[in-house]
Amino acid sequence: MKNYSFKTLILIICLSLLCITGCSKSELNLVENADLSTSQYKLGDYMGDYTVTDVNGNAHTFSEILKEKKAIVLNFWFINCGPCQMEFPYLQKAYDTYSDDVAVIAINPIDTKENKIQKYATQNELTIPLVMSDKDWASAFSIEGFPTTVVIDRYGQISFIHMGSITEDGVFESLFEYFIEDNYKQTVVKNISEIK
């Protein structure tokens, strides 16, 4: 075994730590100063760095979220949407399990009364942050049906868009697991069957 001086050992340790932190840090590519009213997002685009405020008054800024989490899931819904109501228990269950690694934000571009949304959350035992928004959010993603699920990966890329309810056990879990894997490589997923 080689004998290293104390200074050499410290230098080796520092260089190792520098490589580990520098090599493992993902490059976040959210678009600064993006204008939601003129944006048209599609699969593979980089998301704007927006801040949304949920009906409980909590602000959620995408760049801040992605400093701590490995993905953001946007779920577009509204109160009188039957498929949305059927999907929420599956989304809530996955959120309960993966909230340390995945942020879920449910965006409602239809309903205009916060107290109705809060009542809906209470009645349906939802702890997912619910955001009342204007129609710009739905327009920016060309939402044609509800619910629609969008995944923004750890790099800020829109990596998955699915229109329609997900009501099969384990599907959200598989989706979340795919995007939080330590060896995740930046990609787009065109169909949920690709990751099941």
C-alpha atoms as a PDB file:
ATOM      1  CA  MET A   1       0.000   0.000   0.000  1.00  0.00           C
ATOM      2  CA  LYS A   2       1.253   3.428  -0.950  1.00  0.00           C
ATOM      3  CA  ASN A   3       1.905   5.988   1.734  1.00  0.00           C
ATOM      4  CA  TYR A   4       0.454   9.366   0.805  1.00  0.00           C
ATOM      5  CA  SER A   5       1.158  12.624   2.609  1.00  0.00           C
ATOM      6  CA  PHE A   6      -1.690  14.259   4.452  1.00  0.00           C
ATOM      7  CA  LYS A   7      -1.857  17.071   1.842  1.00  0.00           C
ATOM      8  CA  THR A   8      -2.002  14.555  -1.003  1.00  0.00           C
ATOM      9  CA  LEU A   9      -4.858  12.650   0.686  1.00  0.00           C
ATOM     10  CA  ILE A  10      -6.812  15.876   1.207  1.00  0.00           C
ATOM     11  CA  LEU A  11      -6.257  16.810  -2.454  1.00  0.00           C
ATOM     12  CA  ILE A  12      -7.438  13.367  -3.626  1.00  0.00           C
ATOM     13  CA  ILE A  13     -10.565  13.578  -1.449  1.00  0.00           C
ATOM     14  CA  CYS A  14     -11.393  17.104  -2.659  1.00  0.00           C
ATOM     15  CA  LEU A  15     -10.957  16.173  -6.317  1.00  0.00           C
ATOM     16  CA  SER A  16     -13.111  13.079  -5.836  1.00  0.00           C
ATOM     17  CA  LEU A  17     -15.888  15.102  -4.206  1.00  0.00           C
ATOM     18  CA  LEU A  18     -15.658  17.745  -6.906  1.00  0.00           C
ATOM     19  CA  CYS A  19     -16.022  15.103  -9.606  1.00  0.00           C
ATOM     20  CA  ILE A  20     -18.923  13.407  -7.843  1.00  0.00           C
ATOM     21  CA  THR A  21     -20.901  16.626  -7.354  1.00  0.00           C
ATOM     22  CA  GLY A  22     -19.969  18.062 -10.740  1.00  0.00           C
ATOM     23  CA  CYS A  23     -20.528  14.877 -12.717  1.00  0.00           C
ATOM     24  CA  SER A  24     -23.813  13.916 -11.113  1.00  0.00           C
ATOM     25  CA  LYS A  25     -25.460  17.331 -11.222  1.00  0.00           C
ATOM     26  CA  SER A  26     -28.075  17.453 -13.950  1.00  0.00           C
ATOM     27  CA  GLU A  27     -28.284  20.424 -16.247  1.00  0.00           C
ATOM     28  CA  LEU A  28     -31.628  22.151 -15.746  1.00  0.00           C
ATOM     29  CA  ASN A  29     -32.840  23.785 -18.948  1.00  0.00           C
ATOM     30  CA  LEU A  30     -36.073  25.554 -17.993  1.00  0.00           C
ATOM     31  CA  VAL A  31     -36.791  28.563 -20.200  1.00  0.00           C
ATOM     32  CA  GLU A  32     -36.525  31.790 -18.234  1.00  0.00           C
ATOM     33  CA  ASN A  33     -39.048  34.599 -18.783  1.00  0.00           C
ATOM     34  CA  ALA A  34     -41.334  32.356 -20.829  1.00  0.00           C
ATOM     35  CA  ASP A  35     -44.715  33.875 -21.653  1.00  0.00           C
ATOM     36  CA  LEU A  36     -47.440  31.326 -21.058  1.00  0.00           C
ATOM     37  CA  SER A  37     -49.970  33.261 -23.143  1.00  0.00           C
ATOM     38  CA  THR A  38     -47.850  32.864 -26.294  1.00  0.00           C
ATOM     39  CA  SER A  39     -46.233  29.477 -25.581  1.00  0.00           C
ATOM     40  CA  GLN A  40     -47.119  26.312 -27.480  1.00  0.00           C
ATOM     41  CA  TYR A  41     -45.560  23.314 -25.741  1.00  0.00           C
ATOM     42  CA  LYS A  42     -45.160  19.875 -27.239  1.00  0.00           C
ATOM     43  CA  LEU A  43     -43.345  16.679 -26.364  1.00  0.00           C
ATOM     44  CA  GLY A  44     -39.576  17.256 -26.252  1.00  0.00           C
ATOM     45  CA  ASP A  45     -39.749  21.009 -25.590  1.00  0.00           C
ATOM     46  CA  TYR A  46     -38.151  22.597 -22.559  1.00  0.00           C
ATOM     47  CA  MET A  47     -40.668  23.984 -20.095  1.00  0.00           C
ATOM     48  CA  GLY A  48     -40.793  27.597 -18.978  1.00  0.00           C
ATOM     49  CA  ASP A  49     -39.860  28.415 -15.405  1.00  0.00           C
ATOM     50  CA  TYR A  50     -43.306  29.279 -14.099  1.00  0.00           C
ATOM     51  CA  THR A  51     -44.662  29.858 -10.629  1.00  0.00           C
ATOM     52  CA  VAL A  52     -48.182  28.682  -9.813  1.00  0.00           C
ATOM     53  CA  THR A  53     -50.055  29.239  -6.577  1.00  0.00           C
ATOM     54  CA  ASP A  54     -52.324  26.521  -5.243  1.00  0.00           C
ATOM     55  CA  VAL A  55     -55.730  27.158  -3.677  1.00  0.00           C
ATOM     56  CA  ASN A  56     -54.133  27.049  -0.215  1.00  0.00           C
ATOM     57  CA  GLY A  57     -51.851  29.974  -1.108  1.00  0.00           C
ATOM     58  CA  ASN A  58     -48.623  27.977  -1.557  1.00  0.00           C
ATOM     59  CA  ALA A  59     -46.367  29.046  -4.445  1.00  0.00           C
ATOM     60  CA  HIS A  60     -44.717  26.370  -6.600  1.00  0.00           C
ATOM     61  CA  THR A  61     -41.815  27.561  -8.806  1.00  0.00           C
ATOM     62  CA  PHE A  62     -40.631  24.933 -11.266  1.00  0.00           C
ATOM     63  CA  SER A  63     -36.899  25.688 -10.967  1.00  0.00           C
ATOM     64  CA  GLU A  64     -37.128  25.510  -7.167  1.00  0.00           C
ATOM     65  CA  ILE A  65     -39.055  22.242  -7.316  1.00  0.00           C
ATOM     66  CA  LEU A  66     -36.463  20.648  -9.612  1.00  0.00           C
ATOM     67  CA  LYS A  67     -33.673  21.489  -7.184  1.00  0.00           C
ATOM     68  CA  GLU A  68     -35.255  18.976  -4.800  1.00  0.00           C
ATOM     69  CA  LYS A  69     -37.352  16.640  -6.952  1.00  0.00           C
ATOM     70  CA  LYS A  70     -36.622  14.517 -10.007  1.00  0.00           C
ATOM     71  CA  ALA A  71     -39.802  15.303 -11.939  1.00  0.00           C
ATOM     72  CA  ILE A  72     -42.878  17.510 -12.043  1.00  0.00           C
ATOM     73  CA  VAL A  73     -46.212  16.002 -13.037  1.00  0.00           C
ATOM     74  CA  LEU A  74     -48.888  18.418 -14.227  1.00  0.00           C
ATOM     75  CA  ASN A  75     -52.388  17.021 -14.239  1.00  0.00           C
ATOM     76  CA  PHE A  76     -55.051  19.050 -16.078  1.00  0.00           C
ATOM     77  CA  TRP A  77     -58.565  18.541 -14.725  1.00  0.00           C
ATOM     78  CA  PHE A  78     -61.829  20.238 -13.738  1.00  0.00           C
ATOM     79  CA  ILE A  79     -64.518  19.560 -11.132  1.00  0.00           C
ATOM     80  CA  ASN A  80     -67.310  18.141 -13.327  1.00  0.00           C
ATOM     81  CA  CYS A  81     -64.942  15.879 -15.269  1.00  0.00           C
ATOM     82  CA  GLY A  82     -66.009  12.280 -14.567  1.00  0.00           C
ATOM     83  CA  PRO A  83     -62.781  10.721 -15.912  1.00  0.00           C
ATOM     84  CA  CYS A  84     -60.770  13.153 -13.751  1.00  0.00           C
ATOM     85  CA  GLN A  85     -62.653  12.060 -10.651  1.00  0.00           C
ATOM     86  CA  MET A  86     -62.062   8.393 -11.544  1.00  0.00           C
ATOM     87  CA  GLU A  87     -58.324   9.038 -12.042  1.00  0.00           C
ATOM     88  CA  PHE A  88     -57.619  11.071  -8.878  1.00  0.00           C
ATOM     89  CA  PRO A  89     -57.472   8.118  -6.443  1.00  0.00           C
ATOM     90  CA  TYR A  90     -54.733   6.479  -8.564  1.00  0.00           C
ATOM     91  CA  LEU A  91     -52.795   9.729  -8.886  1.00  0.00           C
ATOM     92  CA  GLN A  92     -53.182  10.472  -5.164  1.00  0.00           C
ATOM     93  CA  LYS A  93     -51.944   6.993  -4.242  1.00  0.00           C
ATOM     94  CA  ALA A  94     -48.810   7.423  -6.394  1.00  0.00           C
ATOM     95  CA  TYR A  95     -48.275  10.922  -5.004  1.00  0.00           C
ATOM     96  CA  ASP A  96     -48.472   9.594  -1.442  1.00  0.00           C
ATOM     97  CA  THR A  97     -45.732   7.078  -2.251  1.00  0.00           C
ATOM     98  CA  TYR A  98     -43.423   9.224  -4.399  1.00  0.00           C
ATOM     99  CA  SER A  99     -43.881  12.804  -3.143  1.00  0.00           C
ATOM    100  CA  ASP A 100     -40.269  12.913  -1.904  1.00  0.00           C
ATOM    101  CA  ASP A 101     -39.060  12.607  -5.513  1.00  0.00           C
ATOM    102  CA  VAL A 102     -41.968  13.797  -7.674  1.00  0.00           C
ATOM    103  CA  ALA A 103     -43.982  17.023  -7.463  1.00  0.00           C
ATOM    104  CA  VAL A 104     -47.578  16.698  -8.638  1.00  0.00           C
ATOM    105  CA  ILE A 105     -49.564  19.827  -9.454  1.00  0.00           C
ATOM    106  CA  ALA A 106     -53.193  19.522 -10.555  1.00  0.00           C
ATOM    107  CA  ILE A 107     -54.082  22.485 -12.771  1.00  0.00           C
ATOM    108  CA  ASN A 108     -57.730  23.435 -13.230  1.00  0.00           C
ATOM    109  CA  PRO A 109     -58.204  25.871 -16.159  1.00  0.00           C
ATOM    110  CA  ILE A 110     -62.015  25.626 -16.135  1.00  0.00           C
ATOM    111  CA  ASP A 111     -63.423  26.296 -12.664  1.00  0.00           C
ATOM    112  CA  THR A 112     -63.177  29.832 -11.324  1.00  0.00           C
ATOM    113  CA  LYS A 113     -63.984  29.534  -7.613  1.00  0.00           C
ATOM    114  CA  GLU A 114     -61.228  28.532  -5.217  1.00  0.00           C
ATOM    115  CA  ASN A 115     -63.681  27.546  -2.486  1.00  0.00           C
ATOM    116  CA  LYS A 116     -65.315  24.998  -4.844  1.00  0.00           C
ATOM    117  CA  ILE A 117     -61.899  23.514  -5.627  1.00  0.00           C
ATOM    118  CA  GLN A 118     -60.992  23.392  -1.924  1.00  0.00           C
ATOM    119  CA  LYS A 119     -64.319  21.680  -1.169  1.00  0.00           C
ATOM    120  CA  TYR A 120     -63.649  19.182  -3.987  1.00  0.00           C
ATOM    121  CA  ALA A 121     -60.221  18.413  -2.504  1.00  0.00           C
ATOM    122  CA  THR A 122     -61.709  17.826   0.942  1.00  0.00           C
ATOM    123  CA  GLN A 123     -64.533  15.624  -0.348  1.00  0.00           C
ATOM    124  CA  ASN A 124     -62.114  13.523  -2.401  1.00  0.00           C
ATOM    125  CA  GLU A 125     -59.354  13.438   0.257  1.00  0.00           C
ATOM    126  CA  LEU A 126     -56.813  15.021  -2.101  1.00  0.00           C
ATOM    127  CA  THR A 127     -53.515  16.354  -0.766  1.00  0.00           C
ATOM    128  CA  ILE A 128     -52.108  17.024  -4.235  1.00  0.00           C
ATOM    129  CA  PRO A 129     -51.620  20.781  -4.716  1.00  0.00           C
ATOM    130  CA  LEU A 130     -54.617  22.044  -6.711  1.00  0.00           C
ATOM    131  CA  VAL A 131     -54.143  25.163  -8.828  1.00  0.00           C
ATOM    132  CA  MET A 132     -56.908  27.280 -10.291  1.00  0.00           C
ATOM    133  CA  SER A 133     -55.545  28.818 -13.483  1.00  0.00           C
ATOM    134  CA  ASP A 134     -56.673  30.687 -16.535  1.00  0.00           C
ATOM    135  CA  LYS A 135     -57.137  29.038 -19.910  1.00  0.00           C
ATOM    136  CA  ASP A 136     -53.564  29.934 -20.970  1.00  0.00           C
ATOM    137  CA  TRP A 137     -52.338  26.705 -19.363  1.00  0.00           C
ATOM    138  CA  ALA A 138     -54.724  24.568 -21.416  1.00  0.00           C
ATOM    139  CA  SER A 139     -53.919  26.559 -24.574  1.00  0.00           C
ATOM    140  CA  ALA A 140     -50.157  26.282 -24.057  1.00  0.00           C
ATOM    141  CA  PHE A 141     -50.429  22.479 -24.139  1.00  0.00           C
ATOM    142  CA  SER A 142     -53.256  22.366 -26.724  1.00  0.00           C
ATOM    143  CA  ILE A 143     -55.340  20.391 -24.216  1.00  0.00           C
ATOM    144  CA  GLU A 144     -58.230  18.777 -26.087  1.00  0.00           C
ATOM    145  CA  GLY A 145     -59.494  16.480 -23.337  1.00  0.00           C
ATOM    146  CA  PHE A 146     -59.414  16.036 -19.596  1.00  0.00           C
ATOM    147  CA  PRO A 147     -57.635  14.713 -17.689  1.00  0.00           C
ATOM    148  CA  THR A 148     -54.284  15.247 -19.378  1.00  0.00           C
ATOM    149  CA  THR A 149     -51.023  14.323 -17.650  1.00  0.00           C
ATOM    150  CA  VAL A 150     -47.712  16.010 -18.484  1.00  0.00           C
ATOM    151  CA  VAL A 151     -44.316  14.990 -17.056  1.00  0.00           C
ATOM    152  CA  ILE A 152     -41.435  17.462 -16.910  1.00  0.00           C
ATOM    153  CA  ASP A 153     -38.206  15.596 -16.253  1.00  0.00           C
ATOM    154  CA  ARG A 154     -35.296  16.632 -14.022  1.00  0.00           C
ATOM    155  CA  TYR A 155     -33.751  18.575 -16.931  1.00  0.00           C
ATOM    156  CA  GLY A 156     -36.870  20.652 -17.565  1.00  0.00           C
ATOM    157  CA  GLN A 157     -37.897  18.738 -20.686  1.00  0.00           C
ATOM    158  CA  ILE A 158     -41.518  17.870 -21.391  1.00  0.00           C
ATOM    159  CA  SER A 159     -40.981  14.125 -21.580  1.00  0.00           C
ATOM    160  CA  PHE A 160     -44.476  12.631 -21.476  1.00  0.00           C
ATOM    161  CA  ILE A 161     -47.977  13.815 -22.416  1.00  0.00           C
ATOM    162  CA  HIS A 162     -51.014  11.589 -22.003  1.00  0.00           C
ATOM    163  CA  MET A 163     -54.599  12.610 -22.689  1.00  0.00           C
ATOM    164  CA  GLY A 164     -57.226  10.528 -20.927  1.00  0.00           C
ATOM    165  CA  SER A 165     -57.660   9.036 -17.498  1.00  0.00           C
ATOM    166  CA  ILE A 166     -55.182   6.589 -16.015  1.00  0.00           C
ATOM    167  CA  THR A 167     -57.218   4.228 -13.867  1.00  0.00           C
ATOM    168  CA  GLU A 168     -55.167   1.071 -13.749  1.00  0.00           C
ATOM    169  CA  ASP A 169     -53.362   0.155 -10.545  1.00  0.00           C
ATOM    170  CA  GLY A 170     -49.627   0.726 -10.669  1.00  0.00           C
ATOM    171  CA  VAL A 171     -49.486   2.795 -13.870  1.00  0.00           C
ATOM    172  CA  PHE A 172     -48.713   6.109 -12.169  1.00  0.00           C
ATOM    173  CA  GLU A 173     -46.206   4.288  -9.958  1.00  0.00           C
ATOM    174  CA  SER A 174     -44.443   2.868 -13.027  1.00  0.00           C
ATOM    175  CA  LEU A 175     -44.436   6.298 -14.644  1.00  0.00           C
ATOM    176  CA  PHE A 176     -42.983   7.979 -11.547  1.00  0.00           C
ATOM    177  CA  GLU A 177     -40.383   5.229 -11.058  1.00  0.00           C
ATOM    178  CA  TYR A 178     -39.225   5.611 -14.654  1.00  0.00           C
ATOM    179  CA  PHE A 179     -38.491   9.315 -14.229  1.00  0.00           C
ATOM    180  CA  ILE A 180     -36.860   9.084 -10.792  1.00  0.00           C
ATOM    181  CA  GLU A 181     -34.420   6.261 -11.630  1.00  0.00           C
ATOM    182  CA  ASP A 182     -30.843   7.171 -10.718  1.00  0.00           C
ATOM    183  CA  ASN A 183     -29.709   6.065 -14.185  1.00  0.00           C
ATOM    184  CA  TYR A 184     -32.497   7.978 -15.989  1.00  0.00           C
ATOM    185  CA  LYS A 185     -31.379   9.208 -19.401  1.00  0.00           C
ATOM    186  CA  GLN A 186     -33.140  12.191 -20.888  1.00  0.00           C
ATOM    187  CA  THR A 187     -35.787  10.952 -23.280  1.00  0.00           C
ATOM    188  CA  VAL A 188     -39.375  11.389 -24.389  1.00  0.00           C
ATOM    189  CA  VAL A 189     -42.002   8.731 -23.773  1.00  0.00           C
ATOM    190  CA  LYS A 190     -44.688   8.689 -26.433  1.00  0.00           C
ATOM    191  CA  ASN A 191     -46.832   5.955 -24.938  1.00  0.00           C
ATOM    192  CA  ILE A 192     -47.246   4.704 -21.408  1.00  0.00           C
ATOM    193  CA  SER A 193     -46.768   1.122 -22.636  1.00  0.00           C
ATOM    194  CA  GLU A 194     -43.089   1.983 -23.296  1.00  0.00           C
ATOM    195  CA  ILE A 195     -42.355   2.032 -19.560  1.00  0.00           C
ATOM    196  CA  LYS A 196     -44.670  -0.643 -18.159  1.00  0.00           C
END
